[in-house]
């Protein structure tokens, strides 16, 4: 069973979560080299993404769309900048390893670790997450839980098989002579665009 927005939100601990946890989440995410951009509304989220795209001179993007991205008009904005965008699963599989940027949504953040939780049931999501050198995720800023325990409580009630992922900063390893290296097993940059506004007509 794939997590859906309706299922996981049904088990989200409203009394012990929310935007008041965002400062801790942001601090810990930045401590592990994550880039965090909090914006009030979808229009500003689009602008934040375009700044990232321009900075890396991205020409090709693979995108797994989410309601937040749709509200911000992300795909159209990328194409207006001359970026070739792939959103279909077969196209993502063919182009993820040569894309400049991967973009996806995440379900919620974890303040304790600065991680984001992502339902990885769809292989296209996993490819977008792992292969491009820059991975950008869209997060509803109020969807933050205090810790790993609360995260697993949600997952255990919402998910019975498949794949899930906790993403904590860009890919890193110190396997070789205990020297920290960024971007060996995945993206060398990881950015979180957190949006305060709830998208109309759906969940983030």
N, C-alpha and C. Protein backbone atom coordinates (compact mmCIF):
# COMPACT_ATOMS: atom_id res chain seq x y z
N UNK A 1 0.85 -1.20 0.00
CA UNK A 1 0.00 0.00 0.00
C UNK A 1 0.88 1.25 0.00
N UNK A 2 0.71 2.08 -0.97
CA UNK A 2 1.45 3.34 -1.03
C UNK A 2 0.84 4.34 -0.05
N UNK A 3 1.72 5.08 0.62
CA UNK A 3 1.21 6.18 1.45
C UNK A 3 0.51 7.19 0.54
N UNK A 4 -0.65 7.62 0.93
CA UNK A 4 -1.29 8.74 0.25
C UNK A 4 -1.33 9.90 1.23
N UNK A 5 -1.54 11.09 0.71
CA UNK A 5 -1.59 12.27 1.58
C UNK A 5 -2.71 12.12 2.61
N UNK A 6 -3.84 11.55 2.19
CA UNK A 6 -4.97 11.42 3.10
C UNK A 6 -4.65 10.43 4.22
N UNK A 7 -4.00 9.31 3.89
CA UNK A 7 -3.73 8.29 4.90
C UNK A 7 -2.75 8.78 5.95
N UNK A 8 -1.59 9.32 5.51
CA UNK A 8 -0.60 9.70 6.52
C UNK A 8 -1.08 10.88 7.36
N UNK A 9 -1.82 11.79 6.74
CA UNK A 9 -2.30 12.95 7.50
C UNK A 9 -3.33 12.54 8.54
N UNK A 10 -4.02 11.43 8.29
CA UNK A 10 -4.99 10.93 9.25
C UNK A 10 -4.33 10.55 10.57
N UNK A 11 -3.04 10.19 10.50
CA UNK A 11 -2.31 9.75 11.69
C UNK A 11 -1.29 10.79 12.15
N UNK A 12 -1.33 11.97 11.58
CA UNK A 12 -0.38 13.01 11.94
C UNK A 12 -0.75 13.58 13.31
N UNK A 13 0.19 13.67 14.25
CA UNK A 13 -0.15 14.10 15.62
C UNK A 13 -0.31 15.61 15.72
N UNK A 14 -1.49 16.09 15.42
CA UNK A 14 -1.72 17.54 15.37
C UNK A 14 -1.39 18.23 16.69
N UNK A 15 -1.58 17.51 17.82
CA UNK A 15 -1.35 18.14 19.12
C UNK A 15 0.14 18.20 19.46
N UNK A 16 0.99 17.51 18.70
CA UNK A 16 2.42 17.47 19.03
C UNK A 16 3.26 17.66 17.77
N UNK A 17 2.85 18.60 16.95
CA UNK A 17 3.56 18.87 15.71
C UNK A 17 3.21 20.29 15.26
N UNK A 18 3.86 20.74 14.21
CA UNK A 18 3.47 22.03 13.66
C UNK A 18 4.63 22.97 13.39
N UNK A 19 4.28 24.17 12.94
CA UNK A 19 5.27 25.14 12.50
C UNK A 19 6.15 25.64 13.65
N UNK A 20 5.70 25.50 14.89
CA UNK A 20 6.54 25.95 16.02
C UNK A 20 7.82 25.11 16.13
N UNK A 21 7.83 23.94 15.49
CA UNK A 21 9.02 23.08 15.49
C UNK A 21 9.96 23.40 14.34
N UNK A 22 9.53 24.28 13.45
CA UNK A 22 10.34 24.53 12.25
C UNK A 22 11.72 25.12 12.57
N UNK A 23 11.86 26.06 13.50
CA UNK A 23 13.21 26.60 13.77
C UNK A 23 14.22 25.52 14.14
N UNK A 24 13.81 24.56 14.99
CA UNK A 24 14.73 23.46 15.34
C UNK A 24 15.02 22.61 14.12
N UNK A 25 13.99 22.29 13.36
CA UNK A 25 14.18 21.51 12.13
C UNK A 25 15.17 22.20 11.19
N UNK A 26 14.99 23.51 10.99
CA UNK A 26 15.86 24.26 10.09
C UNK A 26 17.30 24.26 10.60
N UNK A 27 17.47 24.49 11.89
CA UNK A 27 18.82 24.52 12.46
C UNK A 27 19.54 23.19 12.23
N UNK A 28 18.85 22.10 12.48
CA UNK A 28 19.49 20.79 12.35
C UNK A 28 19.71 20.40 10.89
N UNK A 29 18.80 20.81 10.02
CA UNK A 29 18.98 20.53 8.59
C UNK A 29 20.20 21.27 8.05
N UNK A 30 20.36 22.52 8.46
CA UNK A 30 21.52 23.30 8.00
C UNK A 30 22.82 22.76 8.59
N UNK A 31 22.76 22.18 9.79
CA UNK A 31 23.95 21.64 10.43
C UNK A 31 24.53 20.45 9.67
N UNK A 32 23.71 19.80 8.84
CA UNK A 32 24.19 18.68 8.02
C UNK A 32 24.25 19.08 6.55
N UNK A 33 24.47 20.37 6.30
CA UNK A 33 24.69 20.92 4.96
C UNK A 33 23.45 20.98 4.09
N UNK A 34 22.27 20.87 4.70
CA UNK A 34 21.05 21.10 3.95
C UNK A 34 20.84 22.60 3.74
N UNK A 35 20.20 22.94 2.66
CA UNK A 35 19.85 24.34 2.36
C UNK A 35 18.35 24.49 2.57
N UNK A 36 17.95 25.45 3.38
CA UNK A 36 16.54 25.59 3.75
C UNK A 36 16.05 26.98 3.36
N UNK A 37 14.94 27.01 2.64
CA UNK A 37 14.33 28.27 2.21
C UNK A 37 12.87 28.23 2.62
N UNK A 38 12.51 29.03 3.62
CA UNK A 38 11.12 29.09 4.06
C UNK A 38 10.45 30.30 3.45
N UNK A 39 9.30 30.08 2.84
CA UNK A 39 8.58 31.15 2.16
C UNK A 39 7.12 31.13 2.59
N UNK A 40 6.44 32.28 2.51
CA UNK A 40 5.05 32.32 2.97
C UNK A 40 4.04 31.70 2.02
N UNK A 41 4.34 31.73 0.72
CA UNK A 41 3.32 31.30 -0.25
C UNK A 41 3.96 30.65 -1.47
N UNK A 42 3.10 30.04 -2.29
CA UNK A 42 3.56 29.28 -3.44
C UNK A 42 4.34 30.14 -4.43
N UNK A 43 3.93 31.39 -4.61
CA UNK A 43 4.63 32.25 -5.57
C UNK A 43 6.08 32.45 -5.17
N UNK A 44 6.32 32.64 -3.88
CA UNK A 44 7.70 32.80 -3.40
C UNK A 44 8.49 31.50 -3.50
N UNK A 45 7.78 30.36 -3.37
CA UNK A 45 8.44 29.06 -3.55
C UNK A 45 8.96 28.92 -4.97
N UNK A 46 8.17 29.36 -5.91
CA UNK A 46 8.59 29.32 -7.32
C UNK A 46 9.83 30.17 -7.53
N UNK A 47 9.85 31.35 -6.94
CA UNK A 47 11.01 32.24 -7.08
C UNK A 47 12.26 31.63 -6.45
N UNK A 48 12.08 30.98 -5.29
CA UNK A 48 13.23 30.34 -4.62
C UNK A 48 13.81 29.24 -5.49
N UNK A 49 12.95 28.47 -6.11
CA UNK A 49 13.44 27.40 -6.98
C UNK A 49 14.16 27.96 -8.19
N UNK A 50 13.60 28.99 -8.80
CA UNK A 50 14.23 29.57 -9.99
C UNK A 50 15.61 30.12 -9.66
N UNK A 51 15.78 30.68 -8.47
CA UNK A 51 17.11 31.15 -8.07
C UNK A 51 18.10 29.99 -8.00
N UNK A 52 17.66 28.86 -7.48
CA UNK A 52 18.52 27.68 -7.43
C UNK A 52 18.85 27.18 -8.84
N UNK A 53 17.85 27.14 -9.68
CA UNK A 53 18.03 26.68 -11.06
C UNK A 53 19.02 27.58 -11.79
N UNK A 54 18.87 28.88 -11.64
CA UNK A 54 19.78 29.82 -12.29
C UNK A 54 21.20 29.69 -11.75
N UNK A 55 21.32 29.45 -10.44
CA UNK A 55 22.64 29.37 -9.82
C UNK A 55 23.45 28.20 -10.34
N UNK A 56 22.77 27.08 -10.62
CA UNK A 56 23.49 25.90 -11.12
C UNK A 56 23.42 25.79 -12.64
N UNK A 57 22.75 26.78 -13.27
CA UNK A 57 22.58 26.79 -14.72
C UNK A 57 21.99 25.47 -15.21
N UNK A 58 20.94 25.03 -14.53
CA UNK A 58 20.29 23.77 -14.88
C UNK A 58 19.64 23.85 -16.25
N UNK A 59 19.83 22.79 -17.04
CA UNK A 59 19.22 22.71 -18.36
C UNK A 59 18.24 21.54 -18.47
N UNK A 60 18.36 20.59 -17.53
CA UNK A 60 17.49 19.41 -17.56
C UNK A 60 17.04 19.09 -16.14
N UNK A 61 15.73 18.86 -15.97
CA UNK A 61 15.18 18.55 -14.65
C UNK A 61 14.26 17.34 -14.73
N UNK A 62 14.33 16.51 -13.71
CA UNK A 62 13.36 15.42 -13.55
C UNK A 62 12.51 15.76 -12.33
N UNK A 63 11.21 15.65 -12.49
CA UNK A 63 10.28 16.18 -11.49
C UNK A 63 9.19 15.17 -11.18
N UNK A 64 9.04 14.85 -9.90
CA UNK A 64 7.86 14.13 -9.42
C UNK A 64 6.99 15.17 -8.74
N UNK A 65 5.84 15.44 -9.32
CA UNK A 65 5.04 16.57 -8.89
C UNK A 65 4.28 16.28 -7.59
N UNK A 66 4.05 17.35 -6.83
CA UNK A 66 3.25 17.30 -5.61
C UNK A 66 2.27 18.46 -5.64
N UNK A 67 1.26 18.45 -4.77
CA UNK A 67 0.31 19.58 -4.76
C UNK A 67 0.98 20.93 -4.53
N UNK A 68 2.00 20.99 -3.68
CA UNK A 68 2.69 22.25 -3.47
C UNK A 68 3.36 22.74 -4.74
N UNK A 69 3.99 21.84 -5.46
CA UNK A 69 4.65 22.22 -6.71
C UNK A 69 3.62 22.67 -7.75
N UNK A 70 2.51 21.97 -7.79
CA UNK A 70 1.46 22.35 -8.74
C UNK A 70 0.90 23.73 -8.42
N UNK A 71 0.71 24.01 -7.12
CA UNK A 71 0.21 25.32 -6.71
C UNK A 71 1.18 26.43 -7.09
N UNK A 72 2.46 26.11 -7.07
CA UNK A 72 3.49 27.11 -7.39
C UNK A 72 3.77 27.20 -8.88
N UNK A 73 3.19 26.31 -9.67
CA UNK A 73 3.43 26.33 -11.11
C UNK A 73 4.87 26.03 -11.47
N UNK A 74 5.47 25.05 -10.78
CA UNK A 74 6.90 24.79 -10.92
C UNK A 74 7.27 24.32 -12.32
N UNK A 75 6.54 23.37 -12.85
CA UNK A 75 6.91 22.82 -14.16
C UNK A 75 6.89 23.89 -15.25
N UNK A 76 5.84 24.69 -15.26
CA UNK A 76 5.74 25.76 -16.25
C UNK A 76 6.85 26.79 -16.06
N UNK A 77 7.18 27.10 -14.81
CA UNK A 77 8.23 28.08 -14.53
C UNK A 77 9.59 27.58 -15.03
N UNK A 78 9.86 26.30 -14.81
CA UNK A 78 11.12 25.73 -15.29
C UNK A 78 11.20 25.81 -16.82
N UNK A 79 10.14 25.43 -17.47
CA UNK A 79 10.15 25.43 -18.93
C UNK A 79 10.28 26.85 -19.48
N UNK A 80 9.73 27.82 -18.74
CA UNK A 80 9.85 29.21 -19.20
C UNK A 80 11.30 29.70 -19.12
N UNK A 81 12.14 29.02 -18.31
CA UNK A 81 13.56 29.37 -18.20
C UNK A 81 14.41 28.56 -19.18
N UNK A 82 13.76 27.80 -20.05
CA UNK A 82 14.49 27.01 -21.02
C UNK A 82 14.97 25.67 -20.51
N UNK A 83 14.45 25.25 -19.35
CA UNK A 83 14.84 23.96 -18.78
C UNK A 83 13.96 22.86 -19.39
N UNK A 84 14.58 21.79 -19.84
CA UNK A 84 13.83 20.63 -20.30
C UNK A 84 13.38 19.85 -19.09
N UNK A 85 12.08 19.60 -18.98
CA UNK A 85 11.51 18.99 -17.78
C UNK A 85 10.87 17.65 -18.14
N UNK A 86 11.22 16.64 -17.35
CA UNK A 86 10.63 15.31 -17.53
C UNK A 86 9.82 14.97 -16.28
N UNK A 87 8.54 14.60 -16.48
CA UNK A 87 7.66 14.29 -15.36
C UNK A 87 7.07 12.88 -15.44
N UNK A 88 7.13 12.26 -16.61
CA UNK A 88 6.59 10.91 -16.76
C UNK A 88 7.61 9.89 -16.25
N UNK A 89 7.12 8.79 -15.66
CA UNK A 89 8.00 7.81 -15.03
C UNK A 89 9.03 7.25 -16.01
N UNK A 90 8.63 6.93 -17.22
CA UNK A 90 9.57 6.36 -18.19
C UNK A 90 10.63 7.38 -18.57
N UNK A 91 10.24 8.64 -18.71
CA UNK A 91 11.21 9.69 -19.05
C UNK A 91 12.17 9.96 -17.90
N UNK A 92 11.63 9.92 -16.68
CA UNK A 92 12.50 10.10 -15.51
C UNK A 92 13.54 8.99 -15.45
N UNK A 93 13.12 7.76 -15.69
CA UNK A 93 14.05 6.63 -15.68
C UNK A 93 15.14 6.80 -16.73
N UNK A 94 14.79 7.36 -17.87
CA UNK A 94 15.76 7.53 -18.96
C UNK A 94 16.71 8.69 -18.74
N UNK A 95 16.28 9.71 -18.00
CA UNK A 95 17.05 10.96 -17.93
C UNK A 95 17.56 11.34 -16.54
N UNK A 96 17.18 10.61 -15.50
CA UNK A 96 17.56 11.03 -14.14
C UNK A 96 19.07 11.08 -13.95
N UNK A 97 19.79 10.16 -14.59
CA UNK A 97 21.23 10.11 -14.36
C UNK A 97 21.99 11.22 -15.07
N UNK A 98 21.33 11.93 -15.96
CA UNK A 98 21.99 13.05 -16.65
C UNK A 98 21.31 14.38 -16.36
N UNK A 99 20.31 14.38 -15.48
CA UNK A 99 19.60 15.62 -15.14
C UNK A 99 20.46 16.48 -14.22
N UNK A 100 20.29 17.78 -14.32
CA UNK A 100 21.01 18.72 -13.46
C UNK A 100 20.34 18.88 -12.10
N UNK A 101 19.04 18.62 -12.07
CA UNK A 101 18.28 18.86 -10.84
C UNK A 101 17.12 17.88 -10.77
N UNK A 102 16.87 17.35 -9.58
CA UNK A 102 15.71 16.53 -9.31
C UNK A 102 14.81 17.24 -8.31
N UNK A 103 13.51 17.20 -8.54
CA UNK A 103 12.56 17.93 -7.70
C UNK A 103 11.43 16.99 -7.29
N UNK A 104 11.11 17.01 -6.01
CA UNK A 104 10.03 16.15 -5.52
C UNK A 104 9.40 16.77 -4.28
N UNK A 105 8.32 16.17 -3.84
CA UNK A 105 7.69 16.57 -2.59
C UNK A 105 8.08 15.60 -1.48
N UNK A 106 7.88 16.03 -0.25
CA UNK A 106 8.07 15.15 0.91
C UNK A 106 6.85 15.28 1.81
N UNK A 107 6.65 14.25 2.64
CA UNK A 107 5.47 14.25 3.49
C UNK A 107 5.63 15.16 4.71
N UNK A 108 6.73 15.01 5.46
CA UNK A 108 6.91 15.83 6.65
C UNK A 108 8.38 15.87 7.04
N UNK A 109 8.69 16.80 7.95
CA UNK A 109 10.04 16.93 8.47
C UNK A 109 10.12 16.47 9.91
N UNK A 110 11.36 16.22 10.36
CA UNK A 110 11.60 15.72 11.71
C UNK A 110 12.56 16.69 12.41
N UNK A 111 12.07 17.36 13.43
CA UNK A 111 12.87 18.41 14.08
C UNK A 111 14.12 17.85 14.74
N UNK A 112 14.03 16.67 15.32
CA UNK A 112 15.14 16.08 16.07
C UNK A 112 16.40 15.91 15.23
N UNK A 113 16.23 15.60 13.94
CA UNK A 113 17.37 15.28 13.08
C UNK A 113 17.54 16.21 11.89
N UNK A 114 16.55 17.07 11.62
CA UNK A 114 16.61 17.89 10.42
C UNK A 114 16.36 17.09 9.16
N UNK A 115 15.74 15.92 9.32
CA UNK A 115 15.45 15.04 8.18
C UNK A 115 14.08 15.34 7.60
N UNK A 116 13.87 14.90 6.37
CA UNK A 116 12.52 14.89 5.80
C UNK A 116 12.16 13.44 5.50
N UNK A 117 10.87 13.14 5.62
CA UNK A 117 10.38 11.81 5.31
C UNK A 117 9.72 11.82 3.94
N UNK A 118 10.03 10.81 3.14
CA UNK A 118 9.47 10.73 1.79
C UNK A 118 8.97 9.31 1.52
N UNK A 119 7.76 9.23 1.01
CA UNK A 119 7.24 7.96 0.52
C UNK A 119 7.95 7.63 -0.79
N UNK A 120 8.74 6.55 -0.79
CA UNK A 120 9.49 6.18 -1.98
C UNK A 120 8.91 5.00 -2.73
N UNK A 121 7.61 4.78 -2.59
CA UNK A 121 6.96 3.64 -3.24
C UNK A 121 7.19 3.66 -4.75
N UNK A 122 7.10 4.83 -5.34
CA UNK A 122 7.26 5.00 -6.78
C UNK A 122 8.75 5.06 -7.13
N UNK A 123 9.19 4.21 -8.07
CA UNK A 123 10.61 4.20 -8.43
C UNK A 123 11.05 5.54 -9.00
N UNK A 124 10.15 6.26 -9.65
CA UNK A 124 10.51 7.58 -10.19
C UNK A 124 10.94 8.51 -9.06
N UNK A 125 10.27 8.43 -7.92
CA UNK A 125 10.65 9.25 -6.77
C UNK A 125 12.05 8.90 -6.31
N UNK A 126 12.35 7.62 -6.25
CA UNK A 126 13.68 7.21 -5.80
C UNK A 126 14.77 7.67 -6.76
N UNK A 127 14.50 7.63 -8.05
CA UNK A 127 15.48 8.07 -9.04
C UNK A 127 15.73 9.58 -8.93
N UNK A 128 14.66 10.35 -8.78
CA UNK A 128 14.78 11.80 -8.65
C UNK A 128 15.56 12.17 -7.39
N UNK A 129 15.38 11.37 -6.34
CA UNK A 129 16.02 11.62 -5.06
C UNK A 129 17.51 11.33 -5.08
N UNK A 130 17.91 10.32 -5.83
CA UNK A 130 19.27 9.79 -5.72
C UNK A 130 20.23 10.26 -6.81
N UNK A 131 19.76 10.39 -8.06
CA UNK A 131 20.70 10.52 -9.17
C UNK A 131 21.14 11.94 -9.53
N UNK A 132 20.27 12.95 -9.60
CA UNK A 132 20.76 14.29 -9.98
C UNK A 132 21.69 14.88 -8.90
N UNK A 133 22.60 15.75 -9.28
CA UNK A 133 23.53 16.35 -8.31
C UNK A 133 22.88 17.32 -7.34
N UNK A 134 21.74 17.89 -7.71
CA UNK A 134 20.97 18.77 -6.82
C UNK A 134 19.58 18.21 -6.67
N UNK A 135 19.18 17.95 -5.43
CA UNK A 135 17.82 17.48 -5.15
C UNK A 135 17.10 18.55 -4.35
N UNK A 136 15.94 18.98 -4.85
CA UNK A 136 15.13 19.99 -4.19
C UNK A 136 13.80 19.36 -3.79
N UNK A 137 13.41 19.55 -2.53
CA UNK A 137 12.11 19.04 -2.09
C UNK A 137 11.22 20.18 -1.63
N UNK A 138 9.93 19.97 -1.77
CA UNK A 138 8.92 20.91 -1.29
C UNK A 138 8.24 20.32 -0.07
N UNK A 139 8.17 21.14 0.99
CA UNK A 139 7.65 20.71 2.28
C UNK A 139 6.67 21.74 2.80
N UNK A 140 5.55 21.28 3.35
CA UNK A 140 4.65 22.18 4.07
C UNK A 140 5.28 22.49 5.41
N UNK A 141 5.53 23.75 5.72
CA UNK A 141 6.32 24.10 6.90
C UNK A 141 5.65 23.73 8.22
N UNK A 142 4.34 23.52 8.21
CA UNK A 142 3.64 23.10 9.43
C UNK A 142 3.72 21.59 9.64
N UNK A 143 4.19 20.87 8.64
CA UNK A 143 4.24 19.41 8.74
C UNK A 143 5.59 18.97 9.32
N UNK A 144 5.79 19.28 10.59
CA UNK A 144 7.02 18.91 11.29
C UNK A 144 6.63 18.16 12.56
N UNK A 145 7.26 17.00 12.78
CA UNK A 145 7.07 16.25 14.02
C UNK A 145 8.32 16.40 14.89
N UNK A 146 8.19 16.17 16.19
CA UNK A 146 9.34 16.40 17.07
C UNK A 146 10.51 15.45 16.82
N UNK A 147 10.23 14.15 16.63
CA UNK A 147 11.34 13.21 16.57
C UNK A 147 11.06 11.97 15.76
N UNK A 148 12.05 11.07 15.76
CA UNK A 148 11.97 9.82 15.02
C UNK A 148 10.83 8.95 15.54
N UNK A 149 10.62 8.94 16.84
CA UNK A 149 9.54 8.12 17.41
C UNK A 149 8.20 8.49 16.82
N UNK A 150 7.92 9.79 16.76
CA UNK A 150 6.64 10.24 16.19
C UNK A 150 6.56 9.91 14.70
N UNK A 151 7.69 10.02 14.02
CA UNK A 151 7.71 9.69 12.59
C UNK A 151 7.35 8.23 12.36
N UNK A 152 7.94 7.33 13.15
CA UNK A 152 7.65 5.92 12.97
C UNK A 152 6.23 5.57 13.41
N UNK A 153 5.68 6.31 14.35
CA UNK A 153 4.28 6.10 14.71
C UNK A 153 3.38 6.36 13.51
N UNK A 154 3.66 7.43 12.77
CA UNK A 154 2.88 7.75 11.57
C UNK A 154 3.07 6.67 10.52
N UNK A 155 4.33 6.32 10.27
CA UNK A 155 4.64 5.34 9.22
C UNK A 155 3.99 4.00 9.51
N UNK A 156 4.06 3.54 10.76
CA UNK A 156 3.54 2.22 11.10
C UNK A 156 2.03 2.13 10.89
N UNK A 157 1.35 3.25 10.96
CA UNK A 157 -0.10 3.26 10.77
C UNK A 157 -0.52 3.55 9.33
N UNK A 158 0.44 3.94 8.49
CA UNK A 158 0.10 4.40 7.15
C UNK A 158 0.69 3.55 6.03
N UNK A 159 1.61 2.67 6.36
CA UNK A 159 2.43 2.05 5.34
C UNK A 159 2.67 0.60 5.72
N UNK A 160 2.37 -0.35 4.83
CA UNK A 160 2.58 -1.75 5.19
C UNK A 160 3.57 -2.47 4.29
N UNK A 161 4.03 -1.85 3.20
CA UNK A 161 5.06 -2.44 2.37
C UNK A 161 5.57 -1.38 1.40
N UNK A 162 6.67 -1.68 0.72
CA UNK A 162 7.21 -0.75 -0.26
C UNK A 162 8.50 -0.12 0.21
N UNK A 163 8.66 1.18 -0.03
CA UNK A 163 9.90 1.87 0.28
C UNK A 163 9.58 3.21 0.94
N UNK A 164 10.37 3.54 1.97
CA UNK A 164 10.28 4.87 2.56
C UNK A 164 11.70 5.41 2.68
N UNK A 165 11.82 6.71 2.80
CA UNK A 165 13.15 7.31 2.90
C UNK A 165 13.18 8.44 3.90
N UNK A 166 14.27 8.49 4.68
CA UNK A 166 14.59 9.65 5.50
C UNK A 166 15.79 10.32 4.86
N UNK A 167 15.64 11.56 4.48
CA UNK A 167 16.72 12.29 3.81
C UNK A 167 17.25 13.34 4.80
N UNK A 168 18.55 13.25 5.08
CA UNK A 168 19.18 14.16 6.03
C UNK A 168 20.39 14.80 5.36
N UNK A 169 20.18 15.94 4.75
CA UNK A 169 21.27 16.62 4.05
C UNK A 169 21.70 15.90 2.78
N UNK A 170 22.71 16.43 2.11
CA UNK A 170 23.21 15.79 0.90
C UNK A 170 23.93 14.49 1.22
N UNK A 171 24.16 13.70 0.19
CA UNK A 171 24.87 12.43 0.35
C UNK A 171 26.26 12.67 0.92
N UNK A 172 26.67 11.82 1.87
CA UNK A 172 27.99 11.98 2.48
C UNK A 172 28.52 10.62 2.94
N UNK A 173 29.82 10.49 2.95
CA UNK A 173 30.47 9.29 3.46
C UNK A 173 31.84 9.65 4.01
N UNK A 174 32.28 8.86 4.99
CA UNK A 174 33.65 8.99 5.51
C UNK A 174 34.28 7.60 5.57
N UNK A 175 33.87 6.73 4.67
CA UNK A 175 34.35 5.35 4.67
C UNK A 175 35.84 5.25 4.38
N UNK A 176 36.33 6.12 3.53
CA UNK A 176 37.72 6.03 3.10
C UNK A 176 38.59 6.91 3.98
N UNK A 177 39.39 6.28 4.82
CA UNK A 177 40.33 6.97 5.71
C UNK A 177 39.65 8.03 6.57
N UNK A 178 38.37 7.83 6.83
CA UNK A 178 37.60 8.73 7.71
C UNK A 178 37.63 10.19 7.25
N UNK A 179 37.70 10.38 5.95
CA UNK A 179 37.66 11.73 5.36
C UNK A 179 36.26 11.97 4.82
N UNK A 180 35.59 13.00 5.33
CA UNK A 180 34.22 13.27 4.91
C UNK A 180 34.20 13.75 3.46
N UNK A 181 33.37 13.09 2.66
CA UNK A 181 33.21 13.45 1.25
C UNK A 181 31.72 13.61 0.97
N UNK A 182 31.37 14.70 0.31
CA UNK A 182 29.98 14.99 0.00
C UNK A 182 29.66 14.58 -1.44
N UNK A 183 28.51 13.93 -1.62
CA UNK A 183 28.03 13.64 -2.96
C UNK A 183 28.55 12.38 -3.60
N UNK A 184 28.98 11.42 -2.80
CA UNK A 184 29.51 10.18 -3.36
C UNK A 184 28.40 9.23 -3.79
N UNK A 185 27.42 9.03 -2.92
CA UNK A 185 26.37 8.05 -3.16
C UNK A 185 25.04 8.70 -3.56
N UNK A 186 25.06 9.97 -3.85
CA UNK A 186 23.82 10.67 -4.17
C UNK A 186 24.11 12.14 -4.40
N UNK A 187 23.09 12.99 -4.29
CA UNK A 187 23.26 14.42 -4.58
C UNK A 187 24.30 15.09 -3.71
N UNK A 188 25.05 16.00 -4.31
CA UNK A 188 26.03 16.79 -3.55
C UNK A 188 25.38 18.02 -2.92
N UNK A 189 24.16 18.35 -3.35
CA UNK A 189 23.41 19.45 -2.74
C UNK A 189 21.98 19.00 -2.49
N UNK A 190 21.44 19.43 -1.35
CA UNK A 190 20.07 19.10 -0.99
C UNK A 190 19.40 20.35 -0.45
N UNK A 191 18.31 20.75 -1.08
CA UNK A 191 17.61 21.98 -0.70
C UNK A 191 16.16 21.69 -0.35
N UNK A 192 15.69 22.33 0.69
CA UNK A 192 14.31 22.21 1.15
C UNK A 192 13.63 23.55 0.96
N UNK A 193 12.56 23.58 0.19
CA UNK A 193 11.74 24.79 0.07
C UNK A 193 10.48 24.54 0.89
N UNK A 194 10.37 25.23 2.01
CA UNK A 194 9.25 25.05 2.94
C UNK A 194 8.25 26.18 2.74
N UNK A 195 6.99 25.81 2.60
CA UNK A 195 5.94 26.77 2.27
C UNK A 195 4.93 26.83 3.43
N UNK A 196 4.66 28.03 3.89
CA UNK A 196 3.68 28.20 4.97
C UNK A 196 2.25 28.01 4.48
N UNK A 197 1.99 28.46 3.29
CA UNK A 197 0.62 28.44 2.75
C UNK A 197 0.18 27.01 2.42
N UNK A 198 -1.03 26.66 2.82
CA UNK A 198 -1.64 25.38 2.44
C UNK A 198 -2.18 25.51 1.03
N UNK A 199 -1.76 24.63 0.10
CA UNK A 199 -2.27 24.74 -1.26
C UNK A 199 -3.78 24.49 -1.31
N UNK A 200 -4.47 25.23 -2.12
CA UNK A 200 -5.92 25.10 -2.20
C UNK A 200 -6.29 23.82 -2.95
N UNK A 201 -7.28 23.13 -2.39
CA UNK A 201 -7.80 21.97 -3.09
C UNK A 201 -7.02 20.70 -2.87
N UNK A 202 -6.11 20.65 -1.91
CA UNK A 202 -5.37 19.41 -1.70
C UNK A 202 -4.36 19.55 -0.60
N UNK A 203 -3.71 18.42 -0.32
CA UNK A 203 -2.70 18.38 0.71
C UNK A 203 -1.34 18.58 0.10
N UNK A 204 -0.37 19.00 0.93
CA UNK A 204 0.99 19.16 0.45
C UNK A 204 1.74 17.87 0.54
